[in-house]
Amino acid sequence: MARDGRYRWLRRIETLDPVRDHHEIYRLSAGYEFPFDYQRALELALLRTFCVPSISALLDATGEFRLRAQQRYDDTALLMAELLEHGYDSPRGREALRVVNRAHGRYAISNDDMRYVLSTFVYEPIDWLDRYGWRPLHEHERLAAFHYYRAVGARMGIRDVPADFDAFRAFKDAYERDTFRRTPSNERVAAYTLDLFASWYPAPLRPAARLAVRALLPPEMRAAFGLP
């Protein structure tokens, strides 16, 4: 009985179609099966985007992470939670997307950078859960995440998102190979973000929190941030 209870959401996910029901599958996976994991993975996904100099330079120039790191984090988390819980075509989801599009519209952000950020929201949680999840992701969950964020991207005006799961992964990998490099803006925005993560813990634990986050970063991210 306990085992059946533990897997009840997975049994539900198995009955759903990952294209037609992608929002419901993603809501169950991120909201009920792996809430802690998705939160941590998406934090690292955002950190990963700062390895792209054009992204980190814009954030560094606006001062968002230097002056308002916690507010920026809270705003992003709240908007993503609205989309997750209510759906991107619900009244609350449409309002959340209007806020996101208004914020992005103030800056000259390339479509490729937007596509890349979107790709990290799909594949970073998948990679995290492959390593740390309490069970393997079902194929429906992987595909649903792709179709969910592809639909969100379309409503954000992001062009040329591949229609295939593997093709979007290939775009992400190629973009990282082409753009990741160490720059001062990468280092500064990463430092602000590590300070934010550490600030969630009592002062005596903050050095250990910084080390823990650094230990989770793969070599290419540490190199782009100038971290040992």
C-alpha atoms as a PDB file:
ATOM      1  CA  MET A   1       0.000   0.000   0.000  1.00  0.00           C
ATOM      2  CA  ALA A   2       2.739   2.469   0.945  1.00  0.00           C
ATOM      3  CA  ARG A   3       4.608   1.705  -2.266  1.00  0.00           C
ATOM      4  CA  ASP A   4       1.490   2.295  -4.337  1.00  0.00           C
ATOM      5  CA  GLY A   5       0.948   5.592  -2.551  1.00  0.00           C
ATOM      6  CA  ARG A   6       4.496   6.711  -3.251  1.00  0.00           C
ATOM      7  CA  TYR A   7       4.040   6.096  -6.966  1.00  0.00           C
ATOM      8  CA  ARG A   8       0.471   7.340  -7.356  1.00  0.00           C
ATOM      9  CA  TRP A   9       1.470  10.470  -9.287  1.00  0.00           C
ATOM     10  CA  LEU A  10       3.729   8.436 -11.571  1.00  0.00           C
ATOM     11  CA  ARG A  11       0.808   6.100 -12.313  1.00  0.00           C
ATOM     12  CA  ARG A  12      -1.245   9.168 -13.254  1.00  0.00           C
ATOM     13  CA  ILE A  13       1.555  10.567 -15.422  1.00  0.00           C
ATOM     14  CA  GLU A  14       1.797   7.288 -17.303  1.00  0.00           C
ATOM     15  CA  THR A  15      -1.829   7.649 -18.419  1.00  0.00           C
ATOM     16  CA  LEU A  16      -1.319  11.158 -19.847  1.00  0.00           C
ATOM     17  CA  ASP A  17      -0.063  12.223 -23.265  1.00  0.00           C
ATOM     18  CA  PRO A  18       3.208  14.235 -23.074  1.00  0.00           C
ATOM     19  CA  VAL A  19       2.198  16.459 -25.998  1.00  0.00           C
ATOM     20  CA  ARG A  20      -1.476  17.076 -25.282  1.00  0.00           C
ATOM     21  CA  ASP A  21      -1.187  16.999 -21.474  1.00  0.00           C
ATOM     22  CA  HIS A  22       2.268  18.534 -21.098  1.00  0.00           C
ATOM     23  CA  HIS A  23       1.204  21.169 -18.561  1.00  0.00           C
ATOM     24  CA  GLU A  24      -0.555  18.656 -16.312  1.00  0.00           C
ATOM     25  CA  ILE A  25       2.404  16.268 -16.425  1.00  0.00           C
ATOM     26  CA  TYR A  26       4.883  19.057 -15.713  1.00  0.00           C
ATOM     27  CA  ARG A  27       2.698  20.369 -12.872  1.00  0.00           C
ATOM     28  CA  LEU A  28       2.582  16.933 -11.246  1.00  0.00           C
ATOM     29  CA  SER A  29       6.290  16.287 -11.749  1.00  0.00           C
ATOM     30  CA  ALA A  30       7.591  19.675 -10.588  1.00  0.00           C
ATOM     31  CA  GLY A  31       4.903  20.415  -8.028  1.00  0.00           C
ATOM     32  CA  TYR A  32       4.309  17.015  -6.405  1.00  0.00           C
ATOM     33  CA  GLU A  33       7.002  14.499  -7.311  1.00  0.00           C
ATOM     34  CA  PHE A  34      10.171  16.634  -7.229  1.00  0.00           C
ATOM     35  CA  PRO A  35       9.439  20.115  -5.816  1.00  0.00           C
ATOM     36  CA  PHE A  36      12.750  20.422  -3.963  1.00  0.00           C
ATOM     37  CA  ASP A  37      14.757  19.087  -6.896  1.00  0.00           C
ATOM     38  CA  TYR A  38      13.150  21.342  -9.478  1.00  0.00           C
ATOM     39  CA  GLN A  39      13.742  24.396  -7.298  1.00  0.00           C
ATOM     40  CA  ARG A  40      17.425  23.597  -6.804  1.00  0.00           C
ATOM     41  CA  ALA A  41      17.908  22.618 -10.454  1.00  0.00           C
ATOM     42  CA  LEU A  42      16.305  25.813 -11.742  1.00  0.00           C
ATOM     43  CA  GLU A  43      18.503  27.863  -9.423  1.00  0.00           C
ATOM     44  CA  LEU A  44      21.536  26.222 -10.985  1.00  0.00           C
ATOM     45  CA  ALA A  45      19.995  26.665 -14.437  1.00  0.00           C
ATOM     46  CA  LEU A  46      19.853  30.421 -13.903  1.00  0.00           C
ATOM     47  CA  LEU A  47      23.420  30.383 -12.612  1.00  0.00           C
ATOM     48  CA  ARG A  48      24.454  28.432 -15.707  1.00  0.00           C
ATOM     49  CA  THR A  49      23.119  31.147 -18.018  1.00  0.00           C
ATOM     50  CA  PHE A  50      25.581  33.585 -16.440  1.00  0.00           C
ATOM     51  CA  CYS A  51      28.407  31.699 -18.163  1.00  0.00           C
ATOM     52  CA  VAL A  52      27.281  33.391 -21.406  1.00  0.00           C
ATOM     53  CA  PRO A  53      29.042  36.794 -21.463  1.00  0.00           C
ATOM     54  CA  SER A  54      26.239  38.619 -23.301  1.00  0.00           C
ATOM     55  CA  ILE A  55      23.791  37.530 -20.579  1.00  0.00           C
ATOM     56  CA  SER A  56      26.040  38.288 -17.630  1.00  0.00           C
ATOM     57  CA  ALA A  57      27.079  41.649 -19.125  1.00  0.00           C
ATOM     58  CA  LEU A  58      23.464  42.786 -19.361  1.00  0.00           C
ATOM     59  CA  LEU A  59      22.668  41.706 -15.795  1.00  0.00           C
ATOM     60  CA  ASP A  60      25.892  43.294 -14.555  1.00  0.00           C
ATOM     61  CA  ALA A  61      25.062  46.576 -16.314  1.00  0.00           C
ATOM     62  CA  THR A  62      21.536  46.751 -14.894  1.00  0.00           C
ATOM     63  CA  GLY A  63      22.792  46.131 -11.362  1.00  0.00           C
ATOM     64  CA  GLU A  64      19.881  43.763 -10.739  1.00  0.00           C
ATOM     65  CA  PHE A  65      21.958  41.108  -9.003  1.00  0.00           C
ATOM     66  CA  ARG A  66      24.236  43.565  -7.235  1.00  0.00           C
ATOM     67  CA  LEU A  67      21.421  45.635  -5.744  1.00  0.00           C
ATOM     68  CA  ARG A  68      18.314  43.431  -5.696  1.00  0.00           C
ATOM     69  CA  ALA A  69      19.380  39.796  -5.942  1.00  0.00           C
ATOM     70  CA  GLN A  70      16.766  38.492  -3.513  1.00  0.00           C
ATOM     71  CA  GLN A  71      13.964  40.514  -5.103  1.00  0.00           C
ATOM     72  CA  ARG A  72      14.960  39.312  -8.567  1.00  0.00           C
ATOM     73  CA  TYR A  73      15.009  35.721  -7.324  1.00  0.00           C
ATOM     74  CA  ASP A  74      11.626  36.087  -5.602  1.00  0.00           C
ATOM     75  CA  ASP A  75      10.005  37.730  -8.644  1.00  0.00           C
ATOM     76  CA  THR A  76      11.258  34.988 -10.964  1.00  0.00           C
ATOM     77  CA  ALA A  77      10.170  32.214  -8.605  1.00  0.00           C
ATOM     78  CA  LEU A  78       6.702  33.743  -8.181  1.00  0.00           C
ATOM     79  CA  LEU A  79       6.130  34.167 -11.926  1.00  0.00           C
ATOM     80  CA  MET A  80       7.260  30.607 -12.669  1.00  0.00           C
ATOM     81  CA  ALA A  81       5.021  29.285  -9.887  1.00  0.00           C
ATOM     82  CA  GLU A  82       2.030  31.097 -11.395  1.00  0.00           C
ATOM     83  CA  LEU A  83       2.672  29.449 -14.767  1.00  0.00           C
ATOM     84  CA  LEU A  84       3.194  26.053 -13.183  1.00  0.00           C
ATOM     85  CA  GLU A  85       0.091  26.076 -11.018  1.00  0.00           C
ATOM     86  CA  HIS A  86      -2.401  27.808 -13.310  1.00  0.00           C
ATOM     87  CA  GLY A  87      -1.055  27.220 -16.832  1.00  0.00           C
ATOM     88  CA  TYR A  88       0.300  29.675 -19.368  1.00  0.00           C
ATOM     89  CA  ASP A  89      -3.112  30.298 -20.998  1.00  0.00           C
ATOM     90  CA  SER A  90      -5.015  30.886 -17.752  1.00  0.00           C
ATOM     91  CA  PRO A  91      -5.766  34.507 -16.772  1.00  0.00           C
ATOM     92  CA  ARG A  92      -3.078  34.387 -14.085  1.00  0.00           C
ATOM     93  CA  GLY A  93      -0.633  32.674 -16.430  1.00  0.00           C
ATOM     94  CA  ARG A  94      -1.193  35.281 -19.152  1.00  0.00           C
ATOM     95  CA  GLU A  95      -0.653  38.063 -16.629  1.00  0.00           C
ATOM     96  CA  ALA A  96       2.591  36.433 -15.441  1.00  0.00           C
ATOM     97  CA  LEU A  97       3.802  36.227 -19.035  1.00  0.00           C
ATOM     98  CA  ARG A  98       2.884  39.878 -19.615  1.00  0.00           C
ATOM     99  CA  VAL A  99       5.074  40.819 -16.663  1.00  0.00           C
ATOM    100  CA  VAL A 100       7.948  38.689 -17.975  1.00  0.00           C
ATOM    101  CA  ASN A 101       7.661  40.078 -21.503  1.00  0.00           C
ATOM    102  CA  ARG A 102       7.467  43.651 -20.226  1.00  0.00           C
ATOM    103  CA  ALA A 103      10.638  43.173 -18.191  1.00  0.00           C
ATOM    104  CA  HIS A 104      12.532  41.604 -21.085  1.00  0.00           C
ATOM    105  CA  GLY A 105      11.243  44.172 -23.562  1.00  0.00           C
ATOM    106  CA  ARG A 106      13.199  46.930 -21.830  1.00  0.00           C
ATOM    107  CA  TYR A 107      16.480  45.399 -22.987  1.00  0.00           C
ATOM    108  CA  ALA A 108      18.070  44.330 -26.260  1.00  0.00           C
ATOM    109  CA  ILE A 109      18.262  40.578 -25.665  1.00  0.00           C
ATOM    110  CA  SER A 110      19.126  38.393 -28.627  1.00  0.00           C
ATOM    111  CA  ASN A 111      16.761  35.638 -29.664  1.00  0.00           C
ATOM    112  CA  ASP A 112      19.596  33.115 -29.318  1.00  0.00           C
ATOM    113  CA  ASP A 113      20.193  34.132 -25.707  1.00  0.00           C
ATOM    114  CA  MET A 114      16.481  33.816 -25.006  1.00  0.00           C
ATOM    115  CA  ARG A 115      16.394  30.390 -26.658  1.00  0.00           C
ATOM    116  CA  TYR A 116      19.381  29.317 -24.592  1.00  0.00           C
ATOM    117  CA  VAL A 117      17.848  30.409 -21.279  1.00  0.00           C
ATOM    118  CA  LEU A 118      14.658  28.558 -22.211  1.00  0.00           C
ATOM    119  CA  SER A 119      16.674  25.410 -22.964  1.00  0.00           C
ATOM    120  CA  THR A 120      18.261  25.424 -19.505  1.00  0.00           C
ATOM    121  CA  PHE A 121      14.806  25.340 -17.922  1.00  0.00           C
ATOM    122  CA  VAL A 122      14.103  22.128 -19.829  1.00  0.00           C
ATOM    123  CA  TYR A 123      17.346  20.192 -19.526  1.00  0.00           C
ATOM    124  CA  GLU A 124      19.000  21.282 -16.276  1.00  0.00           C
ATOM    125  CA  PRO A 125      16.233  19.765 -14.114  1.00  0.00           C
ATOM    126  CA  ILE A 126      16.347  16.610 -16.236  1.00  0.00           C
ATOM    127  CA  ASP A 127      20.103  16.310 -15.706  1.00  0.00           C
ATOM    128  CA  TRP A 128      19.765  17.066 -11.984  1.00  0.00           C
ATOM    129  CA  LEU A 129      17.090  14.423 -11.513  1.00  0.00           C
ATOM    130  CA  ASP A 130      19.135  11.866 -13.438  1.00  0.00           C
ATOM    131  CA  ARG A 131      21.832  12.350 -10.801  1.00  0.00           C
ATOM    132  CA  TYR A 132      19.879  13.049  -7.613  1.00  0.00           C
ATOM    133  CA  GLY A 133      16.193  12.193  -8.105  1.00  0.00           C
ATOM    134  CA  TRP A 134      14.530   9.649  -5.838  1.00  0.00           C
ATOM    135  CA  ARG A 135      13.328   7.818  -8.950  1.00  0.00           C
ATOM    136  CA  PRO A 136      14.173   8.030 -12.670  1.00  0.00           C
ATOM    137  CA  LEU A 137      12.111  10.459 -14.694  1.00  0.00           C
ATOM    138  CA  HIS A 138       9.496   8.842 -16.893  1.00  0.00           C
ATOM    139  CA  GLU A 139       9.831   9.589 -20.601  1.00  0.00           C
ATOM    140  CA  HIS A 140       6.497  11.413 -20.401  1.00  0.00           C
ATOM    141  CA  GLU A 141       8.011  13.804 -17.844  1.00  0.00           C
ATOM    142  CA  ARG A 142      11.029  14.550 -20.032  1.00  0.00           C
ATOM    143  CA  LEU A 143       8.945  15.212 -23.113  1.00  0.00           C
ATOM    144  CA  ALA A 144       6.310  17.169 -21.203  1.00  0.00           C
ATOM    145  CA  ALA A 145       8.964  19.558 -19.859  1.00  0.00           C
ATOM    146  CA  PHE A 146      10.127  20.181 -23.417  1.00  0.00           C
ATOM    147  CA  HIS A 147       6.632  20.793 -24.787  1.00  0.00           C
ATOM    148  CA  TYR A 148       5.688  22.949 -21.783  1.00  0.00           C
ATOM    149  CA  TYR A 149       8.618  25.320 -22.173  1.00  0.00           C
ATOM    150  CA  ARG A 150       8.321  25.330 -25.952  1.00  0.00           C
ATOM    151  CA  ALA A 151       4.751  26.584 -25.507  1.00  0.00           C
ATOM    152  CA  VAL A 152       5.895  29.165 -22.951  1.00  0.00           C
ATOM    153  CA  GLY A 153       8.660  30.282 -25.322  1.00  0.00           C
ATOM    154  CA  ALA A 154       6.164  30.781 -28.141  1.00  0.00           C
ATOM    155  CA  ARG A 155       4.116  33.061 -25.889  1.00  0.00           C
ATOM    156  CA  MET A 156       7.259  35.019 -25.061  1.00  0.00           C
ATOM    157  CA  GLY A 157       7.966  35.587 -28.733  1.00  0.00           C
ATOM    158  CA  ILE A 158      11.068  33.356 -28.770  1.00  0.00           C
ATOM    159  CA  ARG A 159      11.647  32.232 -32.345  1.00  0.00           C
ATOM    160  CA  ASP A 160      13.111  29.080 -33.879  1.00  0.00           C
ATOM    161  CA  VAL A 161      12.790  26.773 -30.879  1.00  0.00           C
ATOM    162  CA  PRO A 162      13.338  23.285 -32.336  1.00  0.00           C
ATOM    163  CA  ALA A 163      10.285  21.076 -32.517  1.00  0.00           C
ATOM    164  CA  ASP A 164      12.271  18.037 -31.378  1.00  0.00           C
ATOM    165  CA  PHE A 165      13.498  17.202 -27.857  1.00  0.00           C
ATOM    166  CA  ASP A 166      16.952  16.050 -29.004  1.00  0.00           C
ATOM    167  CA  ALA A 167      17.385  18.947 -31.422  1.00  0.00           C
ATOM    168  CA  PHE A 168      16.767  21.487 -28.636  1.00  0.00           C
ATOM    169  CA  ARG A 169      19.282  19.663 -26.435  1.00  0.00           C
ATOM    170  CA  ALA A 170      21.792  19.798 -29.305  1.00  0.00           C
ATOM    171  CA  PHE A 171      21.211  23.555 -29.635  1.00  0.00           C
ATOM    172  CA  LYS A 172      21.870  24.014 -25.910  1.00  0.00           C
ATOM    173  CA  ASP A 173      25.093  21.995 -25.989  1.00  0.00           C
ATOM    174  CA  ALA A 174      26.384  23.792 -29.087  1.00  0.00           C
ATOM    175  CA  TYR A 175      25.540  27.229 -27.674  1.00  0.00           C
ATOM    176  CA  GLU A 176      27.500  26.473 -24.527  1.00  0.00           C
ATOM    177  CA  ARG A 177      30.509  25.285 -26.519  1.00  0.00           C
ATOM    178  CA  ASP A 178      30.421  28.443 -28.620  1.00  0.00           C
ATOM    179  CA  THR A 179      29.794  31.047 -25.921  1.00  0.00           C
ATOM    180  CA  PHE A 180      31.010  29.898 -22.501  1.00  0.00           C
ATOM    181  CA  ARG A 181      34.160  31.761 -21.528  1.00  0.00           C
ATOM    182  CA  ARG A 182      35.498  33.568 -18.498  1.00  0.00           C
ATOM    183  CA  THR A 183      34.755  37.301 -18.290  1.00  0.00           C
ATOM    184  CA  PRO A 184      34.676  39.832 -15.439  1.00  0.00           C
ATOM    185  CA  SER A 185      30.881  40.199 -15.752  1.00  0.00           C
ATOM    186  CA  ASN A 186      30.460  36.423 -15.392  1.00  0.00           C
ATOM    187  CA  GLU A 187      32.563  36.488 -12.243  1.00  0.00           C
ATOM    188  CA  ARG A 188      30.689  39.406 -10.697  1.00  0.00           C
ATOM    189  CA  VAL A 189      27.168  38.114 -11.373  1.00  0.00           C
ATOM    190  CA  ALA A 190      28.153  34.631 -10.173  1.00  0.00           C
ATOM    191  CA  ALA A 191      29.601  36.127  -6.970  1.00  0.00           C
ATOM    192  CA  TYR A 192      26.388  38.075  -6.310  1.00  0.00           C
ATOM    193  CA  THR A 193      24.353  34.912  -6.851  1.00  0.00           C
ATOM    194  CA  LEU A 194      26.546  32.782  -4.592  1.00  0.00           C
ATOM    195  CA  ASP A 195      26.219  35.491  -1.936  1.00  0.00           C
ATOM    196  CA  LEU A 196      22.440  35.286  -2.323  1.00  0.00           C
ATOM    197  CA  PHE A 197      22.381  31.509  -1.935  1.00  0.00           C
ATOM    198  CA  ALA A 198      24.658  31.721   1.106  1.00  0.00           C
ATOM    199  CA  SER A 199      22.492  34.438   2.699  1.00  0.00           C
ATOM    200  CA  TRP A 200      19.688  31.910   3.205  1.00  0.00           C
ATOM    201  CA  TYR A 201      21.748  30.222   5.950  1.00  0.00           C
ATOM    202  CA  PRO A 202      22.998  31.400   9.351  1.00  0.00           C
ATOM    203  CA  ALA A 203      26.272  33.320   9.127  1.00  0.00           C
ATOM    204  CA  PRO A 204      28.465  30.472  10.476  1.00  0.00           C
ATOM    205  CA  LEU A 205      27.196  28.156   7.719  1.00  0.00           C
ATOM    206  CA  ARG A 206      27.615  30.541   4.786  1.00  0.00           C
ATOM    207  CA  PRO A 207      31.173  29.561   3.825  1.00  0.00           C
ATOM    208  CA  ALA A 208      30.071  25.925   3.734  1.00  0.00           C
ATOM    209  CA  ALA A 209      27.016  26.853   1.629  1.00  0.00           C
ATOM    210  CA  ARG A 210      29.244  28.595  -0.915  1.00  0.00           C
ATOM    211  CA  LEU A 211      31.498  25.554  -1.090  1.00  0.00           C
ATOM    212  CA  ALA A 212      28.499  23.257  -1.484  1.00  0.00           C
ATOM    213  CA  VAL A 213      27.188  25.222  -4.462  1.00  0.00           C
ATOM    214  CA  ARG A 214      30.640  25.328  -6.046  1.00  0.00           C
ATOM    215  CA  ALA A 215      30.928  21.566  -5.600  1.00  0.00           C
ATOM    216  CA  LEU A 216      27.757  21.127  -7.668  1.00  0.00           C
ATOM    217  CA  LEU A 217      29.118  23.157 -10.591  1.00  0.00           C
ATOM    218  CA  PRO A 218      30.638  21.241 -13.508  1.00  0.00           C
ATOM    219  CA  PRO A 219      34.134  22.216 -14.721  1.00  0.00           C
ATOM    220  CA  GLU A 220      32.929  24.384 -17.605  1.00  0.00           C
ATOM    221  CA  MET A 221      30.901  26.568 -15.227  1.00  0.00           C
ATOM    222  CA  ARG A 222      33.711  26.907 -12.697  1.00  0.00           C
ATOM    223  CA  ALA A 223      36.029  27.905 -15.538  1.00  0.00           C
ATOM    224  CA  ALA A 224      33.599  30.523 -16.849  1.00  0.00           C
ATOM    225  CA  PHE A 225      33.279  31.986 -13.331  1.00  0.00           C
ATOM    226  CA  GLY A 226      36.983  31.817 -12.516  1.00  0.00           C
ATOM    227  CA  LEU A 227      36.310  29.506  -9.565  1.00  0.00           C
ATOM    228  CA  PRO A 228      38.840  26.916  -8.400  1.00  0.00           C
END
